[in-house]
Structure formats: C-alpha cells, structure tokens
C-alpha atoms as a PDB file:
ATOM      1  CA  ARG A   1     -20.009   8.644  13.499  1.00  0.00           C
ATOM      2  CA  GLN A   2     -17.480   7.709  10.829  1.00  0.00           C
ATOM      3  CA  SER A   3     -15.750  10.430   8.849  1.00  0.00           C
ATOM      4  CA  THR A   4     -16.574  10.356   5.141  1.00  0.00           C
ATOM      5  CA  GLU A   5     -13.712  12.639   4.114  1.00  0.00           C
ATOM      6  CA  GLN A   6     -10.276  11.638   2.899  1.00  0.00           C
ATOM      7  CA  PRO A   7      -7.739  11.318   4.197  1.00  0.00           C
ATOM      8  CA  THR A   8      -9.471   9.651   7.142  1.00  0.00           C
ATOM      9  CA  LEU A   9      -7.324   9.280  10.251  1.00  0.00           C
ATOM     10  CA  THR A  10      -7.040   6.107  12.309  1.00  0.00           C
ATOM     11  CA  ARG A  11      -8.549   7.735  15.409  1.00  0.00           C
ATOM     12  CA  GLU A  12     -11.667   8.523  13.351  1.00  0.00           C
ATOM     13  CA  THR A  13     -12.075   4.863  12.301  1.00  0.00           C
ATOM     14  CA  HIS A  14     -14.321   2.708  14.507  1.00  0.00           C
ATOM     15  CA  PRO A  15     -13.628  -0.006  15.369  1.00  0.00           C
ATOM     16  CA  ARG A  16      -9.915   0.696  15.259  1.00  0.00           C
ATOM     17  CA  PRO A  17      -8.085  -1.418  12.648  1.00  0.00           C
ATOM     18  CA  ASP A  18      -5.582  -4.031  13.816  1.00  0.00           C
ATOM     19  CA  HIS A  19      -2.164  -3.293  12.300  1.00  0.00           C
ATOM     20  CA  GLY A  20      -0.402  -6.056  14.202  1.00  0.00           C
ATOM     21  CA  GLU A  21       0.849  -3.761  16.946  1.00  0.00           C
ATOM     22  CA  ALA A  22       0.314  -6.407  19.629  1.00  0.00           C
ATOM     23  CA  THR A  23       0.672  -9.545  17.518  1.00  0.00           C
ATOM     24  CA  TYR A  24       3.298  -9.377  14.778  1.00  0.00           C
ATOM     25  CA  ARG A  25       6.513 -11.191  15.709  1.00  0.00           C
ATOM     26  CA  GLY A  26       9.557 -10.759  13.497  1.00  0.00           C
ATOM     27  CA  SER A  27      12.291 -13.300  12.863  1.00  0.00           C
ATOM     28  CA  GLY A  28      14.987 -11.288  11.086  1.00  0.00           C
ATOM     29  CA  ARG A  29      13.781 -12.014   7.551  1.00  0.00           C
ATOM     30  CA  MET A  30      14.536  -8.450   6.389  1.00  0.00           C
ATOM     31  CA  LYS A  31      17.566  -7.698   8.528  1.00  0.00           C
ATOM     32  CA  GLY A  32      19.447  -4.670   7.259  1.00  0.00           C
ATOM     33  CA  LEU A  33      17.100  -3.949   4.349  1.00  0.00           C
ATOM     34  CA  ARG A  34      15.969  -0.419   3.498  1.00  0.00           C
ATOM     35  CA  ALA A  35      12.317   0.026   2.554  1.00  0.00           C
ATOM     36  CA  LEU A  36      10.075   2.808   1.289  1.00  0.00           C
ATOM     37  CA  VAL A  37       6.328   2.417   1.900  1.00  0.00           C
ATOM     38  CA  THR A  38       3.956   4.921   0.279  1.00  0.00           C
ATOM     39  CA  GLY A  39       0.745   5.401   2.194  1.00  0.00           C
ATOM     40  CA  GLY A  40       2.603   4.032   5.203  1.00  0.00           C
ATOM     41  CA  ASP A  41       0.762   6.125   7.756  1.00  0.00           C
ATOM     42  CA  SER A  42      -2.274   3.899   8.300  1.00  0.00           C
ATOM     43  CA  GLY A  43      -4.194   0.814   7.209  1.00  0.00           C
ATOM     44  CA  ILE A  44      -2.320  -1.739   5.121  1.00  0.00           C
ATOM     45  CA  GLY A  45       0.652   0.599   4.880  1.00  0.00           C
ATOM     46  CA  ARG A  46       1.054   0.841   8.649  1.00  0.00           C
ATOM     47  CA  ALA A  47       0.782  -2.930   9.043  1.00  0.00           C
ATOM     48  CA  VAL A  48       3.535  -3.352   6.439  1.00  0.00           C
ATOM     49  CA  VAL A  49       5.703  -0.715   8.137  1.00  0.00           C
ATOM     50  CA  ILE A  50       5.376  -2.450  11.513  1.00  0.00           C
ATOM     51  CA  ALA A  51       6.109  -5.896  10.073  1.00  0.00           C
ATOM     52  CA  PHE A  52       9.111  -4.690   8.048  1.00  0.00           C
ATOM     53  CA  ALA A  53      10.618  -2.976  11.093  1.00  0.00           C
ATOM     54  CA  ARG A  54      10.131  -6.030  13.301  1.00  0.00           C
ATOM     55  CA  GLU A  55      11.777  -8.128  10.581  1.00  0.00           C
ATOM     56  CA  GLY A  56      14.837  -5.868  10.786  1.00  0.00           C
ATOM     57  CA  ALA A  57      14.303  -3.207   8.086  1.00  0.00           C
ATOM     58  CA  ASP A  58      14.703   0.551   8.265  1.00  0.00           C
ATOM     59  CA  VAL A  59      11.604   2.191   6.811  1.00  0.00           C
ATOM     60  CA  ALA A  60      10.794   5.464   5.034  1.00  0.00           C
ATOM     61  CA  ILE A  61       7.114   6.361   5.327  1.00  0.00           C
ATOM     62  CA  ALA A  62       5.522   8.489   2.586  1.00  0.00           C
ATOM     63  CA  TYR A  63       2.186  10.118   3.356  1.00  0.00           C
ATOM     64  CA  MET A  64      -0.037  13.115   2.696  1.00  0.00           C
ATOM     65  CA  PRO A  65       0.778  16.093   4.938  1.00  0.00           C
ATOM     66  CA  GLU A  66      -2.759  15.920   6.396  1.00  0.00           C
ATOM     67  CA  GLU A  67      -1.882  12.456   7.748  1.00  0.00           C
ATOM     68  CA  GLU A  68       0.997  13.640   9.950  1.00  0.00           C
ATOM     69  CA  GLU A  69      -0.642  12.314  13.119  1.00  0.00           C
ATOM     70  CA  ASP A  70      -0.929   8.784  11.729  1.00  0.00           C
ATOM     71  CA  ALA A  71       2.524   8.889  10.131  1.00  0.00           C
ATOM     72  CA  ARG A  72       4.156   9.749  13.454  1.00  0.00           C
ATOM     73  CA  GLU A  73       2.345   6.841  15.075  1.00  0.00           C
ATOM     74  CA  SER A  74       3.689   4.483  12.378  1.00  0.00           C
ATOM     75  CA  ALA A  75       7.189   5.885  12.886  1.00  0.00           C
ATOM     76  CA  LYS A  76       6.931   5.270  16.626  1.00  0.00           C
ATOM     77  CA  TRP A  77       6.367   1.558  16.016  1.00  0.00           C
ATOM     78  CA  VAL A  78       9.434   1.425  13.757  1.00  0.00           C
ATOM     79  CA  GLU A  79      11.580   3.074  16.412  1.00  0.00           C
ATOM     80  CA  ASP A  80      10.146   0.815  19.114  1.00  0.00           C
ATOM     81  CA  ALA A  81      11.451  -2.104  17.028  1.00  0.00           C
ATOM     82  CA  GLY A  82      14.929  -0.564  17.150  1.00  0.00           C
ATOM     83  CA  ARG A  83      14.944   0.468  13.494  1.00  0.00           C
ATOM     84  CA  ARG A  84      15.197   3.832  11.797  1.00  0.00           C
ATOM     85  CA  ALA A  85      12.057   5.629  10.595  1.00  0.00           C
ATOM     86  CA  VAL A  86      12.118   8.421   8.001  1.00  0.00           C
ATOM     87  CA  LEU A  87       9.006  10.573   7.563  1.00  0.00           C
ATOM     88  CA  LEU A  88       8.356  11.876   4.049  1.00  0.00           C
ATOM     89  CA  PRO A  89       5.243  14.080   3.767  1.00  0.00           C
ATOM     90  CA  GLY A  90       4.174  15.070   0.272  1.00  0.00           C
ATOM     91  CA  ASP A  91       1.425  14.855  -2.329  1.00  0.00           C
ATOM     92  CA  GLY A  92       2.573  12.161  -4.765  1.00  0.00           C
ATOM     93  CA  THR A  93      -0.026  13.188  -7.327  1.00  0.00           C
ATOM     94  CA  GLU A  94       2.547  15.798  -8.376  1.00  0.00           C
ATOM     95  CA  GLU A  95       5.327  14.238 -10.463  1.00  0.00           C
ATOM     96  CA  SER A  96       8.140  16.270  -8.916  1.00  0.00           C
ATOM     97  CA  VAL A  97       6.939  15.440  -5.402  1.00  0.00           C
ATOM     98  CA  ALA A  98       6.706  11.722  -6.186  1.00  0.00           C
ATOM     99  CA  GLU A  99      10.277  11.750  -7.454  1.00  0.00           C
ATOM    100  CA  GLU A 100      11.472  13.791  -4.473  1.00  0.00           C
ATOM    101  CA  ILE A 101       9.922  11.308  -2.042  1.00  0.00           C
ATOM    102  CA  VAL A 102      11.951   8.469  -3.579  1.00  0.00           C
ATOM    103  CA  GLU A 103      15.171  10.471  -3.744  1.00  0.00           C
ATOM    104  CA  ASP A 104      14.794  11.578  -0.122  1.00  0.00           C
ATOM    105  CA  ALA A 105      14.112   7.996   1.000  1.00  0.00           C
ATOM    106  CA  ALA A 106      17.210   6.698  -0.791  1.00  0.00           C
ATOM    107  CA  ARG A 107      19.383   9.475   0.600  1.00  0.00           C
ATOM    108  CA  GLU A 108      18.154   9.188   4.185  1.00  0.00           C
ATOM    109  CA  LEU A 109      18.359   5.376   4.261  1.00  0.00           C
ATOM    110  CA  GLY A 110      21.595   5.144   2.288  1.00  0.00           C
ATOM    111  CA  GLY A 111      19.888   3.294  -0.564  1.00  0.00           C
ATOM    112  CA  LEU A 112      16.772   1.252  -1.254  1.00  0.00           C
ATOM    113  CA  ASP A 113      16.123  -2.489  -1.282  1.00  0.00           C
ATOM    114  CA  VAL A 114      12.314  -2.627  -1.124  1.00  0.00           C
ATOM    115  CA  VAL A 115       9.699  -0.227  -2.508  1.00  0.00           C
ATOM    116  CA  VAL A 116       6.041  -0.750  -1.566  1.00  0.00           C
ATOM    117  CA  LEU A 117       3.704   1.303  -3.760  1.00  0.00           C
ATOM    118  CA  ASN A 118       0.610   1.349  -1.582  1.00  0.00           C
ATOM    119  CA  ALA A 119      -0.899   4.877  -1.630  1.00  0.00           C
ATOM    120  CA  ALA A 120      -4.539   4.769  -2.740  1.00  0.00           C
ATOM    121  CA  TYR A 121      -7.712   6.784  -3.155  1.00  0.00           C
ATOM    122  CA  GLN A 122     -11.283   5.614  -3.727  1.00  0.00           C
ATOM    123  CA  ARG A 123     -14.779   7.059  -3.456  1.00  0.00           C
ATOM    124  CA  ASP A 124     -18.262   5.709  -3.951  1.00  0.00           C
ATOM    125  CA  ARG A 125     -19.595   6.552  -7.427  1.00  0.00           C
ATOM    126  CA  GLU A 126     -23.341   6.801  -7.992  1.00  0.00           C
ATOM    127  CA  SER A 127     -22.826   6.244 -11.723  1.00  0.00           C
ATOM    128  CA  LEU A 128     -20.345   6.958 -14.489  1.00  0.00           C
ATOM    129  CA  ALA A 129     -22.519   9.900 -15.523  1.00  0.00           C
ATOM    130  CA  GLU A 130     -22.028  11.398 -12.053  1.00  0.00           C
ATOM    131  CA  LEU A 131     -18.228  10.911 -11.970  1.00  0.00           C
ATOM    132  CA  PRO A 132     -16.532  14.354 -12.159  1.00  0.00           C
ATOM    133  CA  SER A 133     -13.383  14.600 -14.265  1.00  0.00           C
ATOM    134  CA  GLU A 134     -11.459  16.109 -11.366  1.00  0.00           C
ATOM    135  CA  GLU A 135     -12.270  13.043  -9.272  1.00  0.00           C
ATOM    136  CA  LEU A 136     -11.145  10.779 -12.101  1.00  0.00           C
ATOM    137  CA  ASP A 137      -7.881  12.711 -12.184  1.00  0.00           C
ATOM    138  CA  ARG A 138      -7.400  12.359  -8.437  1.00  0.00           C
ATOM    139  CA  THR A 139      -7.984   8.599  -8.516  1.00  0.00           C
ATOM    140  CA  PHE A 140      -5.689   8.001 -11.481  1.00  0.00           C
ATOM    141  CA  LYS A 141      -2.929  10.279 -10.208  1.00  0.00           C
ATOM    142  CA  THR A 142      -2.956   8.757  -6.715  1.00  0.00           C
ATOM    143  CA  ASN A 143      -3.273   5.097  -7.664  1.00  0.00           C
ATOM    144  CA  LEU A 144      -1.524   4.927 -11.014  1.00  0.00           C
ATOM    145  CA  TYR A 145       0.604   7.954 -11.828  1.00  0.00           C
ATOM    146  CA  PHE A 146       2.176   8.045  -8.357  1.00  0.00           C
ATOM    147  CA  THR A 147       2.881   4.328  -8.666  1.00  0.00           C
ATOM    148  CA  MET A 148       4.617   4.766 -12.021  1.00  0.00           C
ATOM    149  CA  TRP A 149       6.499   7.923 -11.082  1.00  0.00           C
ATOM    150  CA  ALA A 150       7.792   6.426  -7.830  1.00  0.00           C
ATOM    151  CA  ALA A 151       8.833   3.158  -9.469  1.00  0.00           C
ATOM    152  CA  ARG A 152      10.637   5.010 -12.236  1.00  0.00           C
ATOM    153  CA  ALA A 153      12.519   7.129  -9.719  1.00  0.00           C
ATOM    154  CA  ALA A 154      13.375   4.106  -7.574  1.00  0.00           C
ATOM    155  CA  ILE A 155      14.821   1.853 -10.285  1.00  0.00           C
ATOM    156  CA  PRO A 156      18.258   3.570 -10.410  1.00  0.00           C
ATOM    157  CA  HIS A 157      18.602   2.948  -6.661  1.00  0.00           C
ATOM    158  CA  LEU A 158      17.742  -0.758  -6.829  1.00  0.00           C
ATOM    159  CA  GLY A 159      20.179  -3.595  -7.357  1.00  0.00           C
ATOM    160  CA  PRO A 160      19.976  -7.367  -7.782  1.00  0.00           C
ATOM    161  CA  GLY A 161      17.744  -8.881  -5.106  1.00  0.00           C
ATOM    162  CA  ALA A 162      15.661  -5.722  -4.717  1.00  0.00           C
ATOM    163  CA  SER A 163      11.873  -5.879  -4.704  1.00  0.00           C
ATOM    164  CA  ILE A 164       9.020  -3.644  -5.841  1.00  0.00           C
ATOM    165  CA  ILE A 165       5.588  -4.491  -4.414  1.00  0.00           C
ATOM    166  CA  VAL A 166       2.361  -2.889  -5.645  1.00  0.00           C
ATOM    167  CA  THR A 167      -0.879  -2.891  -3.676  1.00  0.00           C
ATOM    168  CA  SER A 168      -3.514  -3.794  -6.257  1.00  0.00           C
ATOM    169  CA  SER A 169      -6.975  -5.122  -5.329  1.00  0.00           C
ATOM    170  CA  ILE A 170      -9.571  -7.787  -5.958  1.00  0.00           C
ATOM    171  CA  GLN A 171     -11.295  -4.910  -7.766  1.00  0.00           C
ATOM    172  CA  ALA A 172      -8.791  -5.403 -10.596  1.00  0.00           C
ATOM    173  CA  PHE A 173     -10.459  -8.744 -11.337  1.00  0.00           C
ATOM    174  CA  ASN A 174     -14.016  -8.327  -9.996  1.00  0.00           C
ATOM    175  CA  PRO A 175     -14.795  -4.622 -10.444  1.00  0.00           C
ATOM    176  CA  SER A 176     -17.715  -3.001  -8.663  1.00  0.00           C
ATOM    177  CA  PRO A 177     -19.609  -0.397 -10.706  1.00  0.00           C
ATOM    178  CA  ARG A 178     -19.580   1.983  -7.730  1.00  0.00           C
ATOM    179  CA  LEU A 179     -15.775   1.833  -7.679  1.00  0.00           C
ATOM    180  CA  ILE A 180     -15.356   1.996 -11.446  1.00  0.00           C
ATOM    181  CA  ASP A 181     -12.425   4.450 -11.550  1.00  0.00           C
ATOM    182  CA  TYR A 182     -10.648   2.781  -8.625  1.00  0.00           C
ATOM    183  CA  ALA A 183     -11.093  -0.649 -10.221  1.00  0.00           C
ATOM    184  CA  MET A 184      -9.689   0.637 -13.508  1.00  0.00           C
ATOM    185  CA  THR A 185      -6.511   1.822 -11.783  1.00  0.00           C
ATOM    186  CA  LYS A 186      -6.133  -1.463  -9.937  1.00  0.00           C
ATOM    187  CA  ALA A 187      -6.434  -3.450 -13.175  1.00  0.00           C
ATOM    188  CA  ALA A 188      -3.813  -1.172 -14.716  1.00  0.00           C
ATOM    189  CA  GLN A 189      -1.536  -1.862 -11.744  1.00  0.00           C
ATOM    190  CA  VAL A 190      -1.683  -5.586 -12.498  1.00  0.00           C
ATOM    191  CA  ALA A 191      -0.565  -4.956 -16.084  1.00  0.00           C
ATOM    192  CA  PHE A 192       2.117  -2.585 -14.774  1.00  0.00           C
ATOM    193  CA  THR A 193       3.391  -5.212 -12.324  1.00  0.00           C
ATOM    194  CA  LYS A 194       3.665  -7.936 -14.940  1.00  0.00           C
ATOM    195  CA  ALA A 195       5.253  -5.708 -17.584  1.00  0.00           C
ATOM    196  CA  LEU A 196       7.777  -4.204 -15.166  1.00  0.00           C
ATOM    197  CA  ALA A 197       8.666  -7.656 -13.834  1.00  0.00           C
ATOM    198  CA  GLU A 198       9.626  -8.631 -17.391  1.00  0.00           C
ATOM    199  CA  GLU A 199      11.669  -5.464 -17.863  1.00  0.00           C
ATOM    200  CA  LEU A 200      13.569  -5.640 -14.574  1.00  0.00           C
ATOM    201  CA  GLY A 201      14.025  -9.403 -14.352  1.00  0.00           C
ATOM    202  CA  PRO A 202      17.401  -9.342 -16.157  1.00  0.00           C
ATOM    203  CA  LYS A 203      18.623  -6.856 -13.522  1.00  0.00           C
ATOM    204  CA  GLY A 204      17.651  -9.226 -10.707  1.00  0.00           C
ATOM    205  CA  ILE A 205      14.879  -6.906  -9.487  1.00  0.00           C
ATOM    206  CA  ARG A 206      11.572  -8.581  -8.671  1.00  0.00           C
ATOM    207  CA  VAL A 207       8.179  -6.908  -9.129  1.00  0.00           C
ATOM    208  CA  ASN A 208       5.018  -8.337  -7.570  1.00  0.00           C
ATOM    209  CA  ALA A 209       1.593  -7.230  -6.375  1.00  0.00           C
ATOM    210  CA  VAL A 210      -0.716  -8.037  -3.489  1.00  0.00           C
ATOM    211  CA  ALA A 211      -4.458  -8.062  -4.220  1.00  0.00           C
ATOM    212  CA  PRO A 212      -6.399  -7.440  -1.006  1.00  0.00           C
ATOM    213  CA  GLY A 213     -10.068  -8.200  -0.685  1.00  0.00           C
ATOM    214  CA  PRO A 214     -12.227  -6.160   1.723  1.00  0.00           C
ATOM    215  CA  ILE A 215      -9.849  -4.893   4.437  1.00  0.00           C
ATOM    216  CA  TRP A 216     -10.938  -2.642   7.311  1.00  0.00           C
ATOM    217  CA  THR A 217      -8.812   0.507   7.007  1.00  0.00           C
ATOM    218  CA  PRO A 218      -9.478   4.266   7.318  1.00  0.00           C
ATOM    219  CA  LEU A 219      -9.955   4.303   3.527  1.00  0.00           C
ATOM    220  CA  ILE A 220     -13.243   2.410   3.909  1.00  0.00           C
ATOM    221  CA  PRO A 221     -15.270   4.923   5.977  1.00  0.00           C
ATOM    222  CA  GLY A 222     -13.622   7.629   3.864  1.00  0.00           C
ATOM    223  CA  THR A 223     -15.158   6.055   0.756  1.00  0.00           C
ATOM    224  CA  ASP A 224     -18.545   7.509   1.823  1.00  0.00           C
ATOM    225  CA  TRP A 225     -20.352   4.191   2.248  1.00  0.00           C
ATOM    226  CA  PRO A 226     -22.567   4.773   5.319  1.00  0.00           C
ATOM    227  CA  ASP A 227     -25.096   2.178   4.142  1.00  0.00           C
ATOM    228  CA  LYS A 228     -22.454  -0.488   3.470  1.00  0.00           C
ATOM    229  CA  LEU A 229     -20.266  -0.167   6.572  1.00  0.00           C
ATOM    230  CA  PRO A 230     -22.307  -2.466   8.883  1.00  0.00           C
ATOM    231  CA  SER A 231     -21.999  -5.384   6.443  1.00  0.00           C
ATOM    232  CA  PHE A 232     -18.604  -4.563   4.926  1.00  0.00           C
ATOM    233  CA  GLY A 233     -16.688  -7.744   4.041  1.00  0.00           C
ATOM    234  CA  GLN A 234     -19.397 -10.155   5.148  1.00  0.00           C
ATOM    235  CA  ASP A 235     -19.802 -11.456   1.593  1.00  0.00           C
ATOM    236  CA  THR A 236     -16.416 -13.224   1.725  1.00  0.00           C
ATOM    237  CA  PRO A 237     -16.319 -17.008   2.257  1.00  0.00           C
ATOM    238  CA  LEU A 238     -14.771 -16.296   5.663  1.00  0.00           C
ATOM    239  CA  GLY A 239     -17.753 -14.094   6.444  1.00  0.00           C
ATOM    240  CA  ARG A 240     -15.893 -10.976   7.533  1.00  0.00           C
ATOM    241  CA  ALA A 241     -13.565  -8.198   6.452  1.00  0.00           C
ATOM    242  CA  GLY A 242      -9.845  -8.679   6.887  1.00  0.00           C
ATOM    243  CA  GLN A 243      -7.574  -6.646   9.126  1.00  0.00           C
ATOM    244  CA  PRO A 244      -4.443  -4.855   7.888  1.00  0.00           C
ATOM    245  CA  ALA A 245      -2.343  -7.168  10.083  1.00  0.00           C
ATOM    246  CA  GLU A 246      -3.531 -10.092   7.962  1.00  0.00           C
ATOM    247  CA  LEU A 247      -1.951  -8.524   4.855  1.00  0.00           C
ATOM    248  CA  ALA A 248       1.515  -7.845   6.262  1.00  0.00           C
ATOM    249  CA  PRO A 249       2.935 -11.396   5.972  1.00  0.00           C
ATOM    250  CA  ALA A 250       2.321 -11.372   2.205  1.00  0.00           C
ATOM    251  CA  TYR A 251       4.430  -8.226   1.843  1.00  0.00           C
ATOM    252  CA  VAL A 252       7.165  -9.636   4.069  1.00  0.00           C
ATOM    253  CA  PHE A 253       7.302 -12.782   1.933  1.00  0.00           C
ATOM    254  CA  LEU A 254       7.581 -10.783  -1.300  1.00  0.00           C
ATOM    255  CA  ALA A 255      10.178  -8.406   0.150  1.00  0.00           C
ATOM    256  CA  SER A 256      12.389 -11.012   1.786  1.00  0.00           C
ATOM    257  CA  PRO A 257      14.948 -13.427   0.312  1.00  0.00           C
ATOM    258  CA  GLU A 258      12.357 -16.186   0.810  1.00  0.00           C
ATOM    259  CA  SER A 259      10.769 -15.203  -2.519  1.00  0.00           C
ATOM    260  CA  THR A 260      13.851 -14.904  -4.725  1.00  0.00           C
ATOM    261  CA  PHE A 261      12.146 -16.796  -7.598  1.00  0.00           C
ATOM    262  CA  VAL A 262       8.805 -14.984  -7.353  1.00  0.00           C
ATOM    263  CA  SER A 263       8.241 -12.143  -9.829  1.00  0.00           C
ATOM    264  CA  GLY A 264       5.281 -10.947 -11.850  1.00  0.00           C
ATOM    265  CA  ALA A 265       2.929 -12.537  -9.323  1.00  0.00           C
ATOM    266  CA  VAL A 266      -0.324 -11.199  -7.887  1.00  0.00           C
ATOM    267  CA  VAL A 267      -0.853 -12.609  -4.385  1.00  0.00           C
ATOM    268  CA  PRO A 268      -4.521 -12.685  -3.313  1.00  0.00           C
ATOM    269  CA  VAL A 269      -5.419 -11.963   0.318  1.00  0.00           C
ATOM    270  CA  THR A 270      -9.169 -11.925  -0.071  1.00  0.00           C
ATOM    271  CA  GLY A 271     -10.873 -13.974   2.625  1.00  0.00           C
ATOM    272  CA  GLY A 272     -11.593 -16.663   0.071  1.00  0.00           C
ATOM    273  CA  LYS A 273     -12.925 -14.521  -2.761  1.00  0.00           C
ATOM    274  CA  ALA A 274     -11.526 -15.722  -6.087  1.00  0.00           C
ATOM    275  CA  LEU A 275      -9.628 -13.361  -8.345  1.00  0.00           C
END
C-alpha cells in the first residue's frame, strides 16, 4: 500500500524509482563545481545529485528533517563517486531557514557554482472550494517562496559562469484543476526564471528551468491519488511515466559549460507532451 502522506520516503514508494544509481555514467562535465540541490533527498533531486557527483561536482543536499533517511542515501551516492556531500536539513518554508541553507552550503563547499531549486509540494484538490488556506500557504511557500528566498541568498555567492536551475512542470502550461495551487506556483516559476535570467545575464549568471511531465517519484503517491496511480503517466505519447534518471541529463546540460549561451529557457522532459 502506498503512503499518502508527505514527505513520502523512497522505501515507501512501489515500484522503487530509478535515480540512475546503476546507469548514470559521468564524463567530467562538472569537474570541480560546487552545487546546492534543494529537495535532493529523493526523486528528481536524488537523480540530479547522483549525476552531478558522477560528473565531478561536490553537492550540498537540502531536505526536510523528516527525510533524513533518504538524504543520507543520496549522500552515500555522492561519496561513492568520490565527491563531497553536505547534508542540510531544514524547512525552507521559513525565510530564515531558507537563507541559512544557502549560507551553510556556500560555507561548507567553499562557494557555489550551481543552485538547483527543486523542492516541491503538491496534493490532490477536490475543488477550489475545498482548498484550505493553510494548504495554499504550504504549496506557495514550498514551491515559490523557498525558490525566491534561496535564489536571493545565493546570488551574492555566484560569479560569471554560474547557473541557477528551477524545477518547474508541464503543469505551468497545461494545468490540471486538481493541482490548481501547484500549477499556479509552477507557472510563477516560469515567469521567475525568465525575469531573473534577464536580471542576472549582465553578471554572466544563467537562469533556466526544467519542466518535467509525469515522473514517478515519492511525491506522486504522496499526492493522495490512489485511483490514478495504476495509470499514472500513460497518457503521454510514450505511453508511460518517466523515471527521475531520465531528467538528470537535462540538469547536467544546464549546469555545465556546455550550455554557456542558454539562459531564460524552459527545457521540457515530458514524454512527448507539448508545453
């Protein structure tokens, strides 16, 4: 039986998501870079952490304290790749905590080159009339406020060639009524990405977003979708949900020197669904 609470741990997610543990092969594209990944304990975040480490980056992993088990597993994969892992537990829906996470990452890693703003929260909504204000606050603070607070704190630590990457969603473009608050935050993240790319371009700092389609992560059973889980992702042209491992190369591209002229972009990884 899937857990319907959040945060949902990887061991409670069946089948277990593929984060690229056995498949991702690095080629030194991020050698010596220092990265912070929020929500790096599981799902897309863990896949990004593993890929970054195998590409040669040291990685700070931000996560909710309740996700300690998953965060330590992510850190193990970083260390297995011969890179340094920094664990940063904290609830980024509090402004001071969000700022502290960034400051601690920069101090422990000796600076920052890449910031992946990936932490997310979503729940199934029966209707707008049934959406409690406290749940609206939680969604906006996790997906949007944390993103803005962390980016703002990170900017002083970033220099020319640095990269900020936001995890948006296909929901920003094709919103589902039962994810109305989540979709709103993801659309706002697209505007945030494009506006910040314009602001930071003169400093040589690139800002981009990845827009995943349906990806099998612990967030999905935690959304409280028992009726939708058996067919999740089957409405894509590829006929299935994606795995977190299939997202990681997009983040590596945006974080690495291979994308030095890419900024303000939203990269779709959607199984063929159009944005």
